[in-house]
Amino acid sequence: MNWPYLIAAIPKFVEAAKLTLELSLYGIALSLLLGLAVAVVTAYQIKPLNTLARAYIELSRNTPLLIQLFFLYYGLPKIGIKWDGFTCGVIALVFLGGSYMAEAIRAGILAVPKGQVEAGKSIGLSRLQVFRHIELPQAWAVAVPALGANVLFLMKETSVISAVGIAELLFVTKDIIGMDYKTNEALFLLFASYLIILLPVSLLARWAEKRMRRAKYGA
């Protein structure tokens, strides 16, 4: 291990980690919004959107992120639609993540007891108020473990975006290995970078899950 070289390479990985986090934040936030919208459509089987939502979920979950990314980056320019690599990366993450978030949230919505919905209606709440104040908070609580897993999944999937020239962590690692042949140093910094990024998120997700469980069961 060439420690002087490793230390000198740290700033490159810091910049790459910032880009990875930026991709992750955009991808996660937008996929949560898309997932919530799709979950509402599928949970309540809103026609005719339900068929489109189910088709989107199946297409998204049954095609690799790399293929989706290549379609956006290399395919769409053929019909005159051209985006930069960062934008394509975010859209691909949202397209993939939205389907996973939707299924997690849908499961949470369907887990809410029907009696609570009827109770909310019986005291004069509108359907929207019932959803906002009764169903949605409980749905989030049920969905927290799956949502946490999806967040970690999307953060790791940012490594695929290096395929379109975005200088995130994996891109920088391959660049160092290809240019300077410092395989051990590059892989060590890659491992350390992902550990530093993902471990706090994993611990936060576990804390949120325990907190929701205590709120529900008083444990």
C-alpha atoms as a PDB file:
ATOM      1  CA  MET A   1       0.000   0.000   0.000  1.00  0.00           C
ATOM      2  CA  ASN A   2       1.451   3.340  -1.078  1.00  0.00           C
ATOM      3  CA  TRP A   3       0.293   5.538   1.786  1.00  0.00           C
ATOM      4  CA  PRO A   4       1.616   8.877   0.432  1.00  0.00           C
ATOM      5  CA  TYR A   5      -0.255   8.262  -2.827  1.00  0.00           C
ATOM      6  CA  LEU A   6      -3.375   7.199  -0.921  1.00  0.00           C
ATOM      7  CA  ILE A   7      -3.352  10.382   1.156  1.00  0.00           C
ATOM      8  CA  ALA A   8      -2.785  12.506  -1.959  1.00  0.00           C
ATOM      9  CA  ALA A   9      -5.771  10.843  -3.662  1.00  0.00           C
ATOM     10  CA  ILE A  10      -8.201  11.616  -0.824  1.00  0.00           C
ATOM     11  CA  PRO A  11      -9.303  15.016  -2.244  1.00  0.00           C
ATOM     12  CA  LYS A  12     -10.380  13.297  -5.493  1.00  0.00           C
ATOM     13  CA  PHE A  13     -12.564  10.917  -3.510  1.00  0.00           C
ATOM     14  CA  VAL A  14     -13.986  13.746  -1.423  1.00  0.00           C
ATOM     15  CA  GLU A  15     -15.166  15.502  -4.585  1.00  0.00           C
ATOM     16  CA  ALA A  16     -16.492  12.233  -5.983  1.00  0.00           C
ATOM     17  CA  ALA A  17     -18.320  11.556  -2.711  1.00  0.00           C
ATOM     18  CA  LYS A  18     -19.979  14.990  -2.909  1.00  0.00           C
ATOM     19  CA  LEU A  19     -21.233  14.177  -6.400  1.00  0.00           C
ATOM     20  CA  THR A  20     -22.431  10.755  -5.246  1.00  0.00           C
ATOM     21  CA  LEU A  21     -24.345  12.367  -2.381  1.00  0.00           C
ATOM     22  CA  GLU A  22     -25.861  14.961  -4.721  1.00  0.00           C
ATOM     23  CA  LEU A  23     -27.052  12.237  -7.086  1.00  0.00           C
ATOM     24  CA  SER A  24     -28.415  10.285  -4.133  1.00  0.00           C
ATOM     25  CA  LEU A  25     -30.296  13.213  -2.610  1.00  0.00           C
ATOM     26  CA  TYR A  26     -31.992  14.179  -5.853  1.00  0.00           C
ATOM     27  CA  GLY A  27     -32.763  10.564  -6.710  1.00  0.00           C
ATOM     28  CA  ILE A  28     -34.145   9.662  -3.282  1.00  0.00           C
ATOM     29  CA  ALA A  29     -36.234  12.814  -2.787  1.00  0.00           C
ATOM     30  CA  LEU A  30     -37.834  12.665  -6.223  1.00  0.00           C
ATOM     31  CA  SER A  31     -38.365   8.896  -6.103  1.00  0.00           C
ATOM     32  CA  LEU A  32     -40.213   9.305  -2.791  1.00  0.00           C
ATOM     33  CA  LEU A  33     -42.543  11.861  -4.375  1.00  0.00           C
ATOM     34  CA  LEU A  34     -43.097   9.684  -7.435  1.00  0.00           C
ATOM     35  CA  GLY A  35     -43.503   6.606  -5.260  1.00  0.00           C
ATOM     36  CA  LEU A  36     -46.149   8.282  -3.113  1.00  0.00           C
ATOM     37  CA  ALA A  37     -48.161   9.308  -6.168  1.00  0.00           C
ATOM     38  CA  VAL A  38     -47.942   5.850  -7.733  1.00  0.00           C
ATOM     39  CA  ALA A  39     -48.739   4.165  -4.401  1.00  0.00           C
ATOM     40  CA  VAL A  40     -51.938   6.181  -4.031  1.00  0.00           C
ATOM     41  CA  VAL A  41     -53.008   5.238  -7.559  1.00  0.00           C
ATOM     42  CA  THR A  42     -52.315   1.527  -7.071  1.00  0.00           C
ATOM     43  CA  ALA A  43     -53.577   1.251  -3.484  1.00  0.00           C
ATOM     44  CA  TYR A  44     -56.939   2.807  -4.354  1.00  0.00           C
ATOM     45  CA  GLN A  45     -56.961   1.407  -7.910  1.00  0.00           C
ATOM     46  CA  ILE A  46     -57.711   4.771  -9.480  1.00  0.00           C
ATOM     47  CA  LYS A  47     -58.806   4.193 -13.064  1.00  0.00           C
ATOM     48  CA  PRO A  48     -57.474   4.549 -15.716  1.00  0.00           C
ATOM     49  CA  LEU A  49     -54.193   5.492 -14.044  1.00  0.00           C
ATOM     50  CA  ASN A  50     -53.943   2.184 -12.191  1.00  0.00           C
ATOM     51  CA  THR A  51     -53.086   0.229 -15.341  1.00  0.00           C
ATOM     52  CA  LEU A  52     -50.379   2.728 -16.292  1.00  0.00           C
ATOM     53  CA  ALA A  53     -48.965   2.711 -12.763  1.00  0.00           C
ATOM     54  CA  ARG A  54     -48.767  -1.089 -12.651  1.00  0.00           C
ATOM     55  CA  ALA A  55     -47.108  -1.139 -16.083  1.00  0.00           C
ATOM     56  CA  TYR A  56     -44.557   1.416 -14.905  1.00  0.00           C
ATOM     57  CA  ILE A  57     -43.759  -0.612 -11.788  1.00  0.00           C
ATOM     58  CA  GLU A  58     -43.235  -3.815 -13.750  1.00  0.00           C
ATOM     59  CA  LEU A  59     -41.122  -2.093 -16.412  1.00  0.00           C
ATOM     60  CA  SER A  60     -38.993  -0.284 -13.854  1.00  0.00           C
ATOM     61  CA  ARG A  61     -38.372  -3.235 -11.556  1.00  0.00           C
ATOM     62  CA  ASN A  62     -37.711  -5.749 -14.333  1.00  0.00           C
ATOM     63  CA  THR A  63     -35.129  -3.790 -16.320  1.00  0.00           C
ATOM     64  CA  PRO A  64     -31.565  -3.057 -15.128  1.00  0.00           C
ATOM     65  CA  LEU A  65     -30.657   0.502 -14.163  1.00  0.00           C
ATOM     66  CA  LEU A  66     -27.798   0.429 -16.674  1.00  0.00           C
ATOM     67  CA  ILE A  67     -30.206  -0.255 -19.555  1.00  0.00           C
ATOM     68  CA  GLN A  68     -32.495   2.552 -18.395  1.00  0.00           C
ATOM     69  CA  LEU A  69     -29.501   4.883 -18.166  1.00  0.00           C
ATOM     70  CA  PHE A  70     -28.225   3.976 -21.630  1.00  0.00           C
ATOM     71  CA  PHE A  71     -31.700   4.531 -23.070  1.00  0.00           C
ATOM     72  CA  LEU A  72     -31.793   8.043 -21.617  1.00  0.00           C
ATOM     73  CA  TYR A  73     -28.208   8.980 -22.481  1.00  0.00           C
ATOM     74  CA  TYR A  74     -27.698   7.260 -25.844  1.00  0.00           C
ATOM     75  CA  GLY A  75     -31.202   6.434 -27.057  1.00  0.00           C
ATOM     76  CA  LEU A  76     -33.172   9.653 -26.595  1.00  0.00           C
ATOM     77  CA  PRO A  77     -30.681  11.822 -28.562  1.00  0.00           C
ATOM     78  CA  LYS A  78     -31.693   9.793 -31.628  1.00  0.00           C
ATOM     79  CA  ILE A  79     -35.096  11.479 -31.447  1.00  0.00           C
ATOM     80  CA  GLY A  80     -33.731  14.901 -30.540  1.00  0.00           C
ATOM     81  CA  ILE A  81     -33.878  14.715 -26.728  1.00  0.00           C
ATOM     82  CA  LYS A  82     -30.460  15.239 -25.188  1.00  0.00           C
ATOM     83  CA  TRP A  83     -29.630  15.590 -21.499  1.00  0.00           C
ATOM     84  CA  ASP A  84     -26.290  15.724 -19.708  1.00  0.00           C
ATOM     85  CA  GLY A  85     -25.021  12.703 -17.794  1.00  0.00           C
ATOM     86  CA  PHE A  86     -25.998  14.058 -14.372  1.00  0.00           C
ATOM     87  CA  THR A  87     -29.600  14.695 -15.434  1.00  0.00           C
ATOM     88  CA  CYS A  88     -29.846  11.261 -17.050  1.00  0.00           C
ATOM     89  CA  GLY A  89     -28.448   9.711 -13.883  1.00  0.00           C
ATOM     90  CA  VAL A  90     -31.014  11.421 -11.655  1.00  0.00           C
ATOM     91  CA  ILE A  91     -33.910  10.512 -13.972  1.00  0.00           C
ATOM     92  CA  ALA A  92     -32.756   6.889 -14.116  1.00  0.00           C
ATOM     93  CA  LEU A  93     -32.512   6.710 -10.310  1.00  0.00           C
ATOM     94  CA  VAL A  94     -35.969   8.240  -9.939  1.00  0.00           C
ATOM     95  CA  PHE A  95     -37.458   5.918 -12.550  1.00  0.00           C
ATOM     96  CA  LEU A  96     -36.024   2.889 -10.747  1.00  0.00           C
ATOM     97  CA  GLY A  97     -36.476   4.096  -7.182  1.00  0.00           C
ATOM     98  CA  GLY A  98     -40.012   5.363  -7.666  1.00  0.00           C
ATOM     99  CA  SER A  99     -41.327   1.853  -8.289  1.00  0.00           C
ATOM    100  CA  TYR A 100     -39.672   0.426  -5.180  1.00  0.00           C
ATOM    101  CA  MET A 101     -40.844   3.335  -3.038  1.00  0.00           C
ATOM    102  CA  ALA A 102     -44.351   2.955  -4.465  1.00  0.00           C
ATOM    103  CA  GLU A 103     -44.599  -0.697  -3.484  1.00  0.00           C
ATOM    104  CA  ALA A 104     -43.326   0.016   0.027  1.00  0.00           C
ATOM    105  CA  ILE A 105     -45.779   2.873   0.566  1.00  0.00           C
ATOM    106  CA  ARG A 106     -48.654   0.933  -1.011  1.00  0.00           C
ATOM    107  CA  ALA A 107     -48.064  -1.899   1.459  1.00  0.00           C
ATOM    108  CA  GLY A 108     -48.185   0.643   4.283  1.00  0.00           C
ATOM    109  CA  ILE A 109     -51.454   2.133   3.057  1.00  0.00           C
ATOM    110  CA  LEU A 110     -53.108  -1.264   2.733  1.00  0.00           C
ATOM    111  CA  ALA A 111     -51.938  -2.189   6.258  1.00  0.00           C
ATOM    112  CA  VAL A 112     -54.035   0.558   7.857  1.00  0.00           C
ATOM    113  CA  PRO A 113     -57.144  -1.034   9.471  1.00  0.00           C
ATOM    114  CA  LYS A 114     -60.329  -0.215   7.602  1.00  0.00           C
ATOM    115  CA  GLY A 115     -62.045   0.497  10.894  1.00  0.00           C
ATOM    116  CA  GLN A 116     -59.872   3.560  11.406  1.00  0.00           C
ATOM    117  CA  VAL A 117     -60.815   4.896   7.999  1.00  0.00           C
ATOM    118  CA  GLU A 118     -64.506   4.412   8.755  1.00  0.00           C
ATOM    119  CA  ALA A 119     -64.055   6.061  12.151  1.00  0.00           C
ATOM    120  CA  GLY A 120     -62.500   9.100  10.507  1.00  0.00           C
ATOM    121  CA  LYS A 121     -65.396   9.378   8.066  1.00  0.00           C
ATOM    122  CA  SER A 122     -67.906   8.989  10.872  1.00  0.00           C
ATOM    123  CA  ILE A 123     -66.610  12.096  12.666  1.00  0.00           C
ATOM    124  CA  GLY A 124     -66.995  14.187   9.539  1.00  0.00           C
ATOM    125  CA  LEU A 125     -63.525  14.081   7.995  1.00  0.00           C
ATOM    126  CA  SER A 126     -63.355  14.294   4.221  1.00  0.00           C
ATOM    127  CA  ARG A 127     -61.709  11.505   2.234  1.00  0.00           C
ATOM    128  CA  LEU A 128     -58.611  13.668   1.774  1.00  0.00           C
ATOM    129  CA  GLN A 129     -58.461  14.477   5.491  1.00  0.00           C
ATOM    130  CA  VAL A 130     -58.759  10.798   6.370  1.00  0.00           C
ATOM    131  CA  PHE A 131     -55.864  10.008   4.057  1.00  0.00           C
ATOM    132  CA  ARG A 132     -53.710  12.864   5.317  1.00  0.00           C
ATOM    133  CA  HIS A 133     -54.329  12.536   9.051  1.00  0.00           C
ATOM    134  CA  ILE A 134     -55.082   8.822   9.529  1.00  0.00           C
ATOM    135  CA  GLU A 135     -53.841   6.649   6.690  1.00  0.00           C
ATOM    136  CA  LEU A 136     -50.647   8.372   5.554  1.00  0.00           C
ATOM    137  CA  PRO A 137     -48.938   8.688   8.982  1.00  0.00           C
ATOM    138  CA  GLN A 138     -49.565   5.009   9.730  1.00  0.00           C
ATOM    139  CA  ALA A 139     -48.528   4.009   6.213  1.00  0.00           C
ATOM    140  CA  TRP A 140     -45.188   5.784   6.647  1.00  0.00           C
ATOM    141  CA  ALA A 141     -44.641   4.008   9.960  1.00  0.00           C
ATOM    142  CA  VAL A 142     -45.249   0.588   8.398  1.00  0.00           C
ATOM    143  CA  ALA A 143     -43.155   1.414   5.329  1.00  0.00           C
ATOM    144  CA  VAL A 144     -40.098   2.769   7.172  1.00  0.00           C
ATOM    145  CA  PRO A 145     -38.030  -0.485   7.079  1.00  0.00           C
ATOM    146  CA  ALA A 146     -38.619  -0.971   3.355  1.00  0.00           C
ATOM    147  CA  LEU A 147     -38.055   2.713   2.604  1.00  0.00           C
ATOM    148  CA  GLY A 148     -34.776   2.647   4.509  1.00  0.00           C
ATOM    149  CA  ALA A 149     -33.622  -0.368   2.521  1.00  0.00           C
ATOM    150  CA  ASN A 150     -34.624   1.369  -0.709  1.00  0.00           C
ATOM    151  CA  VAL A 151     -32.660   4.489   0.227  1.00  0.00           C
ATOM    152  CA  LEU A 152     -29.514   2.418   0.767  1.00  0.00           C
ATOM    153  CA  PHE A 153     -30.179   0.550  -2.471  1.00  0.00           C
ATOM    154  CA  LEU A 154     -30.434   3.771  -4.490  1.00  0.00           C
ATOM    155  CA  MET A 155     -27.301   5.234  -2.923  1.00  0.00           C
ATOM    156  CA  LYS A 156     -25.333   2.159  -3.946  1.00  0.00           C
ATOM    157  CA  GLU A 157     -26.879   2.196  -7.420  1.00  0.00           C
ATOM    158  CA  THR A 158     -25.268   5.600  -8.080  1.00  0.00           C
ATOM    159  CA  SER A 159     -22.130   3.620  -8.955  1.00  0.00           C
ATOM    160  CA  VAL A 160     -23.823   2.585 -12.233  1.00  0.00           C
ATOM    161  CA  ILE A 161     -23.939   6.223 -13.359  1.00  0.00           C
ATOM    162  CA  SER A 162     -20.170   6.171 -13.873  1.00  0.00           C
ATOM    163  CA  ALA A 163     -21.023   4.441 -17.176  1.00  0.00           C
ATOM    164  CA  VAL A 164     -21.994   7.810 -18.697  1.00  0.00           C
ATOM    165  CA  GLY A 165     -18.881   9.662 -17.570  1.00  0.00           C
ATOM    166  CA  ILE A 166     -20.063  11.105 -14.252  1.00  0.00           C
ATOM    167  CA  ALA A 167     -17.076  11.367 -11.915  1.00  0.00           C
ATOM    168  CA  GLU A 168     -18.648   9.734  -8.870  1.00  0.00           C
ATOM    169  CA  LEU A 169     -16.787   7.296  -6.633  1.00  0.00           C
ATOM    170  CA  LEU A 170     -16.571   4.299  -8.951  1.00  0.00           C
ATOM    171  CA  PHE A 171     -15.540   6.467 -11.914  1.00  0.00           C
ATOM    172  CA  VAL A 172     -12.654   7.988  -9.925  1.00  0.00           C
ATOM    173  CA  THR A 173     -11.619   4.533  -8.712  1.00  0.00           C
ATOM    174  CA  LYS A 174     -11.466   3.139 -12.250  1.00  0.00           C
ATOM    175  CA  ASP A 175      -9.638   6.259 -13.415  1.00  0.00           C
ATOM    176  CA  ILE A 176      -6.904   5.847 -10.792  1.00  0.00           C
ATOM    177  CA  ILE A 177      -6.536   2.143 -11.519  1.00  0.00           C
ATOM    178  CA  GLY A 178      -6.353   2.765 -15.267  1.00  0.00           C
ATOM    179  CA  MET A 179      -4.005   5.756 -15.157  1.00  0.00           C
ATOM    180  CA  ASP A 180      -1.713   5.063 -12.196  1.00  0.00           C
ATOM    181  CA  TYR A 181      -2.201   1.306 -11.630  1.00  0.00           C
ATOM    182  CA  LYS A 182      -2.829   1.923  -7.925  1.00  0.00           C
ATOM    183  CA  THR A 183      -5.452  -0.791  -7.509  1.00  0.00           C
ATOM    184  CA  ASN A 184      -5.089  -1.401  -3.781  1.00  0.00           C
ATOM    185  CA  GLU A 185      -5.130   2.278  -2.877  1.00  0.00           C
ATOM    186  CA  ALA A 186      -8.101   3.049  -5.123  1.00  0.00           C
ATOM    187  CA  LEU A 187     -10.190   0.129  -3.881  1.00  0.00           C
ATOM    188  CA  PHE A 188      -9.366   0.936  -0.256  1.00  0.00           C
ATOM    189  CA  LEU A 189     -10.534   4.530  -0.694  1.00  0.00           C
ATOM    190  CA  LEU A 190     -13.646   3.353  -2.554  1.00  0.00           C
ATOM    191  CA  PHE A 191     -14.516   0.971   0.287  1.00  0.00           C
ATOM    192  CA  ALA A 192     -13.850   3.634   2.932  1.00  0.00           C
ATOM    193  CA  SER A 193     -15.895   6.255   1.061  1.00  0.00           C
ATOM    194  CA  TYR A 194     -18.977   4.072   0.739  1.00  0.00           C
ATOM    195  CA  LEU A 195     -18.660   2.975   4.358  1.00  0.00           C
ATOM    196  CA  ILE A 196     -18.508   6.594   5.539  1.00  0.00           C
ATOM    197  CA  ILE A 197     -21.552   7.503   3.434  1.00  0.00           C
ATOM    198  CA  LEU A 198     -23.744   4.443   3.944  1.00  0.00           C
ATOM    199  CA  LEU A 199     -23.101   3.466   7.561  1.00  0.00           C
ATOM    200  CA  PRO A 200     -24.706   6.608   9.089  1.00  0.00           C
ATOM    201  CA  VAL A 201     -27.686   6.212   6.747  1.00  0.00           C
ATOM    202  CA  SER A 202     -28.060   2.570   7.775  1.00  0.00           C
ATOM    203  CA  LEU A 203     -27.892   3.470  11.477  1.00  0.00           C
ATOM    204  CA  LEU A 204     -30.395   6.292  10.977  1.00  0.00           C
ATOM    205  CA  ALA A 205     -32.800   3.939   9.205  1.00  0.00           C
ATOM    206  CA  ARG A 206     -32.495   1.424  12.033  1.00  0.00           C
ATOM    207  CA  TRP A 207     -33.126   4.160  14.609  1.00  0.00           C
ATOM    208  CA  ALA A 208     -36.191   5.372  12.707  1.00  0.00           C
ATOM    209  CA  GLU A 209     -37.552   1.827  12.508  1.00  0.00           C
ATOM    210  CA  LYS A 210     -37.145   1.298  16.262  1.00  0.00           C
ATOM    211  CA  ARG A 211     -38.732   4.655  17.000  1.00  0.00           C
ATOM    212  CA  MET A 212     -41.748   3.858  14.839  1.00  0.00           C
ATOM    213  CA  ARG A 213     -42.087   0.445  16.493  1.00  0.00           C
ATOM    214  CA  ARG A 214     -42.103   2.039  19.966  1.00  0.00           C
ATOM    215  CA  ALA A 215     -44.670   4.598  18.853  1.00  0.00           C
ATOM    216  CA  LYS A 216     -46.928   1.852  17.555  1.00  0.00           C
ATOM    217  CA  TYR A 217     -46.552  -0.774  20.276  1.00  0.00           C
ATOM    218  CA  GLY A 218     -45.208   1.221  23.203  1.00  0.00           C
ATOM    219  CA  ALA A 219     -42.200  -1.074  23.478  1.00  0.00           C
END
